[in-house]
Amino acid sequence: MQTDWIPLFPESASSFSWQIDALYFYLIGISVAFMIPIVAAIFWFIVRYREREKFATPEEIHGSIVLETVWSIIPFIISMTIFLGGAVVYYTQYSMPDDAMQVYVVGKQWMWKIQHETGQREINQLHVPVNTKVKLTMTTEDVLHDFSIPAFRTKADVVPGRYTYLWFEATKPGTYHLFCAEYCGLNHSGMIGSVVVLEQDDFERWLQGNAASQTPVEQGRDLFENKLGCASCHAGGSGQRGAVLENIYGKEVKFVGGGTAIVNDEYLRNSILNPSSQVVEGYQPIMPTFKGQVTEEQLMALVAYIKSLSGVDASATAPSAPAAPAPAPANNMGSNSNQGGR
């Protein structure tokens, strides 16, 4: 749906933005279609049934089955079309694609810190290729933020202490506004940026011209093996004190005292920050908390590395980025997230 001709209406530049526009204009159309006859009827009733004599006895009005049926069926059909349209739009917008390019976003008063899966970092700007699905994994270092791109008709809250996700596929090269759509403090109005959509060749040149240090997986491996010493407890063999991490992502684990969970991003994050909250069967609650010792960006890197040990390597899906180096053999790795065993 073309909306460029409408004053003050954002450009439509993503694969699902036309669906949101269609639903929005459908709602506007229904509202106008009801408003005009209702307002006209009000004025007609004011004139037609105005008082002509004091204490007049009005004519008795009998019910109409046909009329009552019509004004029941029509609103039902309209409400169901709204519901179904909204359900389709919601499912499309919040069902994350498996083949998307991964980007990591950390909100902070008052900026957006962004890292590509190939290591390139940006602040308040995001470069992406056109006609490519992009998935954002987002969190915040401080207060609640909201990552909003009006031209793509998408937004999502960025919540402290958890990961939220958003995806889009830009269909037009150009530069589009990026806003924080949740009041986050004194300089909230300055927490703005841009999404730069490039043709595939231009995006590849941008990647080559922006030297990357470590990819998230490489950074996570360095933290895991060296800086945080996670491998000392999660190594295989007779001295192992924590669960081996290889192929753990996506599996179900059982807790001491009952209960189970699927190993996903949220589980790994919680296991690193609050290891004593969920102790896996067969292990002791000996893992120390790393809360306050690692940043949100480091947490994302650790999660990315642990996922890579299960073959969930986001960089392999990047259509234009060079593949990240394969992680080191994981036969001596354990679940970084259990109290000695997560």
Protein backbone atom coordinates (compact mmCIF):
# COMPACT_ATOMS: atom_id res chain seq x y z
CA MET A 1 0.00 0.00 0.00
CA GLN A 2 1.43 3.35 -1.06
CA THR A 3 1.17 5.95 1.72
CA ASP A 4 3.85 8.42 0.62
CA TRP A 5 1.16 10.81 -0.65
CA ILE A 6 -0.42 11.11 2.80
CA PRO A 7 1.03 14.12 4.70
CA LEU A 8 2.80 13.24 7.95
CA PHE A 9 2.43 9.51 7.31
CA PRO A 10 5.69 7.51 7.56
CA GLU A 11 7.04 5.87 4.44
CA SER A 12 6.22 2.18 4.08
CA ALA A 13 9.52 0.32 3.72
CA SER A 14 9.30 -3.21 5.11
CA SER A 15 7.88 -6.52 3.94
CA PHE A 16 4.96 -6.44 6.41
CA SER A 17 4.36 -2.69 6.71
CA TRP A 18 1.62 -2.84 4.07
CA GLN A 19 -0.31 -5.28 6.27
CA ILE A 20 -0.24 -2.87 9.21
CA ASP A 21 -1.30 -0.02 6.90
CA ALA A 22 -4.14 -2.06 5.43
CA LEU A 23 -5.48 -2.96 8.88
CA TYR A 24 -5.08 0.63 10.07
CA PHE A 25 -7.01 2.11 7.12
CA TYR A 26 -9.63 -0.62 7.45
CA LEU A 27 -10.23 0.47 11.04
CA ILE A 28 -10.35 4.12 9.97
CA GLY A 29 -12.82 3.25 7.22
CA ILE A 30 -15.10 1.36 9.60
CA SER A 31 -14.98 4.23 12.09
CA VAL A 32 -15.92 6.78 9.44
CA ALA A 33 -18.63 4.50 8.02
CA PHE A 34 -20.26 4.29 11.46
CA MET A 35 -19.65 7.87 12.50
CA ILE A 36 -21.31 9.59 9.53
CA PRO A 37 -24.72 7.83 9.70
CA ILE A 38 -24.78 7.99 13.50
CA VAL A 39 -24.09 11.73 13.58
CA ALA A 40 -26.62 12.26 10.76
CA ALA A 41 -29.21 10.20 12.65
CA ILE A 42 -28.65 12.24 15.81
CA PHE A 43 -29.41 15.48 14.02
CA TRP A 44 -32.36 13.93 12.18
CA PHE A 45 -33.83 12.65 15.47
CA ILE A 46 -33.34 16.07 17.05
CA VAL A 47 -35.46 17.63 14.33
CA ARG A 48 -37.91 14.80 13.64
CA TYR A 49 -38.77 14.03 17.26
CA ARG A 50 -38.53 17.50 18.75
CA GLU A 51 -41.18 18.42 21.29
CA ARG A 52 -44.30 19.80 19.62
CA GLU A 53 -46.74 19.80 22.54
CA LYS A 54 -46.46 19.41 26.27
CA PHE A 55 -47.22 16.04 27.85
CA ALA A 56 -47.86 14.33 24.49
CA THR A 57 -48.22 10.54 24.53
CA PRO A 58 -45.74 9.08 22.01
CA GLU A 59 -46.70 6.33 19.65
CA GLU A 60 -45.75 2.88 20.87
CA ILE A 61 -42.90 1.33 18.90
CA HIS A 62 -42.82 -2.45 18.46
CA GLY A 63 -39.58 -4.45 18.02
CA SER A 64 -38.35 -5.71 14.66
CA ILE A 65 -36.70 -9.14 14.47
CA VAL A 66 -35.22 -8.29 11.06
CA LEU A 67 -33.70 -5.04 12.30
CA GLU A 68 -32.27 -6.61 15.45
CA THR A 69 -30.80 -9.49 13.43
CA VAL A 70 -29.16 -7.12 10.97
CA TRP A 71 -27.58 -4.93 13.62
CA SER A 72 -26.29 -8.04 15.39
CA ILE A 73 -24.85 -9.87 12.37
CA ILE A 74 -23.14 -6.90 10.71
CA PRO A 75 -21.16 -5.82 13.83
CA PHE A 76 -20.24 -9.48 14.45
CA ILE A 77 -18.81 -9.84 10.93
CA ILE A 78 -16.92 -6.57 11.24
CA SER A 79 -15.48 -7.45 14.65
CA MET A 80 -14.36 -10.88 13.41
CA THR A 81 -12.60 -9.39 10.38
CA ILE A 82 -10.79 -6.98 12.71
CA PHE A 83 -9.80 -9.85 15.00
CA LEU A 84 -8.58 -12.08 12.18
CA GLY A 85 -6.71 -9.22 10.50
CA GLY A 86 -5.03 -8.29 13.77
CA ALA A 87 -4.13 -11.94 14.47
CA VAL A 88 -2.50 -12.33 11.05
CA VAL A 89 -0.52 -9.09 11.46
CA TYR A 90 0.59 -10.04 14.99
CA TYR A 91 1.67 -13.53 13.93
CA THR A 92 3.64 -12.17 10.97
CA GLN A 93 5.33 -9.46 12.99
CA TYR A 94 6.28 -11.47 16.06
CA SER A 95 7.12 -14.88 14.59
CA MET A 96 10.91 -14.74 14.39
CA PRO A 97 12.37 -16.16 11.14
CA ASP A 98 15.03 -18.86 11.50
CA ASP A 99 17.12 -17.62 8.55
CA ALA A 100 17.53 -14.01 9.70
CA MET A 101 20.76 -12.08 10.08
CA GLN A 102 21.46 -11.57 13.79
CA VAL A 103 22.04 -8.16 15.36
CA TYR A 104 22.51 -7.48 19.08
CA VAL A 105 21.12 -4.28 20.61
CA VAL A 106 21.72 -2.82 24.08
CA GLY A 107 19.78 0.26 25.14
CA LYS A 108 21.37 2.72 27.53
CA GLN A 109 20.46 6.20 28.68
CA TRP A 110 20.53 7.66 26.13
CA MET A 111 21.87 5.68 23.17
CA TRP A 112 21.53 2.46 21.22
CA LYS A 113 24.64 0.23 21.21
CA ILE A 114 24.54 -2.20 18.31
CA GLN A 115 26.78 -5.11 17.35
CA HIS A 116 26.59 -7.20 14.21
CA GLU A 117 27.16 -10.93 14.28
CA THR A 118 30.41 -10.33 12.38
CA GLY A 119 31.66 -8.00 15.12
CA GLN A 120 31.06 -4.53 13.68
CA ARG A 121 29.77 -2.09 16.29
CA GLU A 122 27.60 0.98 15.88
CA ILE A 123 26.02 3.59 18.12
CA ASN A 124 22.61 5.05 17.22
CA GLN A 125 22.92 3.69 13.69
CA LEU A 126 22.16 0.32 12.15
CA HIS A 127 23.32 -0.69 8.67
CA VAL A 128 21.42 -3.57 7.05
CA PRO A 129 21.12 -5.00 3.53
CA VAL A 130 17.90 -4.58 1.56
CA ASN A 131 15.57 -7.57 1.10
CA THR A 132 17.21 -9.45 3.96
CA LYS A 133 15.53 -10.61 7.15
CA VAL A 134 17.16 -9.06 10.21
CA LYS A 135 16.50 -10.26 13.77
CA LEU A 136 17.34 -8.03 16.71
CA THR A 137 18.09 -9.50 20.14
CA MET A 138 17.66 -6.61 22.57
CA THR A 139 18.11 -5.73 26.22
CA THR A 140 18.92 -2.66 28.30
CA GLU A 141 21.53 -1.71 30.87
CA ASP A 142 19.25 0.54 32.87
CA VAL A 143 15.59 1.51 32.38
CA LEU A 144 12.81 0.49 30.02
CA HIS A 145 13.31 1.62 26.42
CA ASP A 146 11.45 0.92 23.19
CA PHE A 147 13.10 0.26 19.83
CA SER A 148 10.84 1.82 17.17
CA ILE A 149 11.26 2.13 13.39
CA PRO A 150 8.09 3.85 12.07
CA ALA A 151 8.88 3.25 8.39
CA PHE A 152 9.02 -0.49 9.05
CA ARG A 153 5.84 -0.36 11.20
CA THR A 154 7.55 -2.22 14.01
CA LYS A 155 8.54 -1.56 17.60
CA ALA A 156 9.27 -3.55 20.75
CA ASP A 157 9.94 -2.75 24.39
CA VAL A 158 13.52 -3.26 25.55
CA VAL A 159 13.14 -4.51 29.10
CA PRO A 160 15.75 -4.62 31.88
CA GLY A 161 16.74 -8.12 32.95
CA ARG A 162 15.44 -9.99 29.91
CA TYR A 163 15.75 -10.34 26.14
CA THR A 164 13.16 -9.12 23.69
CA TYR A 165 13.16 -9.72 19.95
CA LEU A 166 12.16 -7.86 16.82
CA TRP A 167 12.57 -8.60 13.13
CA PHE A 168 12.08 -6.81 9.85
CA GLU A 169 12.92 -7.06 6.17
CA ALA A 170 13.58 -3.68 4.58
CA THR A 171 12.35 -3.40 1.01
CA LYS A 172 13.75 0.00 0.01
CA PRO A 173 17.29 1.37 0.28
CA GLY A 174 17.42 4.58 2.28
CA THR A 175 17.86 6.05 5.73
CA TYR A 176 14.98 5.68 8.19
CA HIS A 177 14.32 7.15 11.62
CA LEU A 178 15.00 5.12 14.77
CA PHE A 179 13.35 6.27 17.99
CA CYS A 180 13.05 5.28 21.61
CA ALA A 181 9.27 5.16 21.96
CA GLU A 182 9.18 4.76 25.75
CA TYR A 183 9.92 7.69 28.06
CA CYS A 184 13.25 6.80 29.63
CA GLY A 185 14.47 9.91 31.40
CA LEU A 186 15.62 13.47 30.96
CA ASN A 187 17.19 13.09 27.51
CA HIS A 188 14.62 10.67 26.13
CA SER A 189 13.96 12.94 23.15
CA GLY A 190 17.64 12.70 22.19
CA MET A 191 17.68 8.90 22.09
CA ILE A 192 17.28 8.78 18.33
CA GLY A 193 19.18 7.21 15.49
CA SER A 194 18.79 5.84 12.00
CA VAL A 195 18.55 2.57 10.12
CA VAL A 196 20.57 2.69 6.90
CA VAL A 197 19.34 0.20 4.31
CA LEU A 198 21.92 -0.57 1.61
CA GLU A 199 21.99 -2.61 -1.54
CA GLN A 200 23.75 -5.93 -1.07
CA ASP A 201 27.03 -4.85 -2.70
CA ASP A 202 27.05 -1.57 -0.76
CA PHE A 203 26.47 -3.45 2.50
CA GLU A 204 29.37 -5.79 1.79
CA ARG A 205 31.61 -2.78 1.14
CA TRP A 206 30.40 -1.23 4.40
CA LEU A 207 31.32 -4.41 6.29
CA GLN A 208 34.77 -4.48 4.71
CA GLY A 209 35.31 -0.81 5.47
CA ASN A 210 34.41 -1.20 9.14
CA ALA A 211 36.97 -3.46 10.69
CA ALA A 212 35.53 -5.79 13.29
CA SER A 213 37.40 -6.77 16.42
CA GLN A 214 35.78 -9.87 17.88
CA THR A 215 32.50 -11.39 16.83
CA PRO A 216 30.02 -12.04 19.67
CA VAL A 217 30.93 -15.74 19.54
CA GLU A 218 34.66 -14.99 19.74
CA GLN A 219 34.14 -12.50 22.55
CA GLY A 220 32.02 -15.04 24.43
CA ARG A 221 34.63 -17.75 23.99
CA ASP A 222 37.34 -15.43 25.35
CA LEU A 223 35.22 -14.61 28.39
CA PHE A 224 34.30 -18.24 28.93
CA GLU A 225 37.76 -19.76 28.61
CA ASN A 226 39.99 -16.98 29.92
CA LYS A 227 38.58 -13.90 31.59
CA LEU A 228 35.80 -15.50 33.67
CA GLY A 229 37.28 -18.97 34.01
CA CYS A 230 34.02 -20.76 33.26
CA ALA A 231 35.84 -23.70 31.64
CA SER A 232 37.54 -24.57 34.92
CA CYS A 233 34.22 -25.84 36.31
CA HIS A 234 32.48 -26.81 33.09
CA ALA A 235 35.26 -28.98 31.69
CA GLY A 236 34.67 -32.63 30.98
CA GLY A 237 36.45 -35.44 32.74
CA SER A 238 36.71 -36.62 36.31
CA GLY A 239 37.13 -33.09 37.68
CA GLN A 240 34.01 -31.74 36.03
CA ARG A 241 31.77 -29.77 38.40
CA GLY A 242 29.32 -28.30 35.91
CA ALA A 243 27.29 -29.64 33.02
CA VAL A 244 28.98 -29.85 29.63
CA LEU A 245 27.57 -27.15 27.36
CA GLU A 246 28.01 -28.85 24.03
CA ASN A 247 24.61 -29.47 22.38
CA ILE A 248 22.72 -28.25 25.46
CA TYR A 249 20.88 -25.38 23.74
CA GLY A 250 17.24 -26.21 23.04
CA LYS A 251 17.29 -29.26 25.34
CA GLU A 252 15.13 -29.77 28.42
CA VAL A 253 16.80 -29.82 31.84
CA LYS A 254 15.38 -31.02 35.17
CA PHE A 255 15.81 -29.13 38.42
CA VAL A 256 16.52 -30.31 41.92
CA GLY A 257 13.20 -30.41 43.74
CA GLY A 258 11.17 -30.76 40.55
CA GLY A 259 10.45 -28.62 37.54
CA THR A 260 11.96 -28.43 34.07
CA ALA A 261 13.01 -25.77 31.59
CA ILE A 262 14.14 -25.50 28.00
CA VAL A 263 17.64 -24.11 27.57
CA ASN A 264 17.14 -20.87 25.65
CA ASP A 265 18.56 -17.35 25.77
CA GLU A 266 16.60 -16.34 28.86
CA TYR A 267 17.56 -19.53 30.70
CA LEU A 268 21.26 -19.04 29.97
CA ARG A 269 21.13 -15.41 31.05
CA ASN A 270 19.40 -16.26 34.32
CA SER A 271 21.83 -19.10 34.95
CA ILE A 272 24.80 -16.74 34.66
CA LEU A 273 23.31 -14.00 36.83
CA ASN A 274 21.28 -16.09 39.31
CA PRO A 275 22.82 -19.58 39.29
CA SER A 276 21.28 -20.65 42.59
CA SER A 277 17.71 -20.04 41.42
CA GLN A 278 17.49 -23.21 39.32
CA VAL A 279 19.82 -26.07 40.22
CA VAL A 280 19.99 -28.84 37.65
CA GLU A 281 19.70 -32.44 38.85
CA GLY A 282 23.05 -34.08 39.42
CA TYR A 283 24.93 -30.90 40.32
CA GLN A 284 25.57 -28.84 43.43
CA PRO A 285 24.71 -25.12 43.85
CA ILE A 286 28.36 -24.05 43.83
CA MET A 287 28.46 -21.68 40.87
CA PRO A 288 28.97 -18.03 41.95
CA THR A 289 26.80 -15.29 40.53
CA PHE A 290 28.27 -13.05 37.86
CA LYS A 291 25.72 -10.31 38.45
CA GLY A 292 27.52 -6.98 38.43
CA GLN A 293 30.65 -8.57 36.97
CA VAL A 294 29.57 -8.75 33.33
CA THR A 295 27.88 -6.16 31.15
CA GLU A 296 24.82 -6.75 29.03
CA GLU A 297 27.02 -6.92 25.94
CA GLN A 298 29.22 -9.54 27.58
CA LEU A 299 26.12 -11.53 28.57
CA MET A 300 24.95 -11.51 24.96
CA ALA A 301 28.39 -12.69 23.86
CA LEU A 302 28.40 -15.53 26.40
CA VAL A 303 24.94 -16.64 25.28
CA ALA A 304 26.03 -16.47 21.62
CA TYR A 305 29.07 -18.63 22.37
CA ILE A 306 27.09 -21.24 24.31
CA LYS A 307 24.58 -21.40 21.47
CA SER A 308 27.41 -21.92 19.00
CA LEU A 309 28.47 -25.02 20.96
CA SER A 310 25.13 -26.53 19.99
CA GLY A 311 25.52 -25.62 16.34
CA VAL A 312 23.34 -22.50 16.64
CA ASP A 313 25.80 -20.23 14.83
CA ALA A 314 24.05 -17.03 13.83
CA SER A 315 26.87 -15.85 11.61
CA ALA A 316 26.32 -18.78 9.27
CA THR A 317 23.03 -17.22 8.19
CA ALA A 318 24.45 -13.79 7.37
CA PRO A 319 24.01 -13.46 3.60
CA SER A 320 26.69 -10.84 3.06
CA ALA A 321 29.00 -11.07 6.03
CA PRO A 322 32.10 -13.21 6.25
CA ALA A 323 31.55 -16.27 8.40
CA ALA A 324 32.80 -16.07 11.96
CA PRO A 325 35.61 -18.45 12.88
CA ALA A 326 34.37 -21.77 14.16
CA PRO A 327 34.40 -22.07 17.94
CA ALA A 328 37.01 -24.17 19.64
CA PRO A 329 36.14 -27.82 20.23
CA ALA A 330 33.61 -28.01 23.00
CA ASN A 331 34.24 -31.43 24.44
CA ASN A 332 35.56 -29.81 27.61
CA MET A 333 32.82 -27.23 27.97
CA GLY A 334 29.96 -27.26 30.44
CA SER A 335 26.80 -25.36 31.02
CA ASN A 336 28.09 -21.97 31.99
CA SER A 337 24.77 -21.38 33.57
CA ASN A 338 24.26 -23.88 36.30
CA GLN A 339 25.38 -23.48 39.83
CA GLY A 340 28.13 -25.63 38.85
CA GLY A 341 25.62 -27.35 36.67
CA ARG A 342 23.13 -25.57 34.52
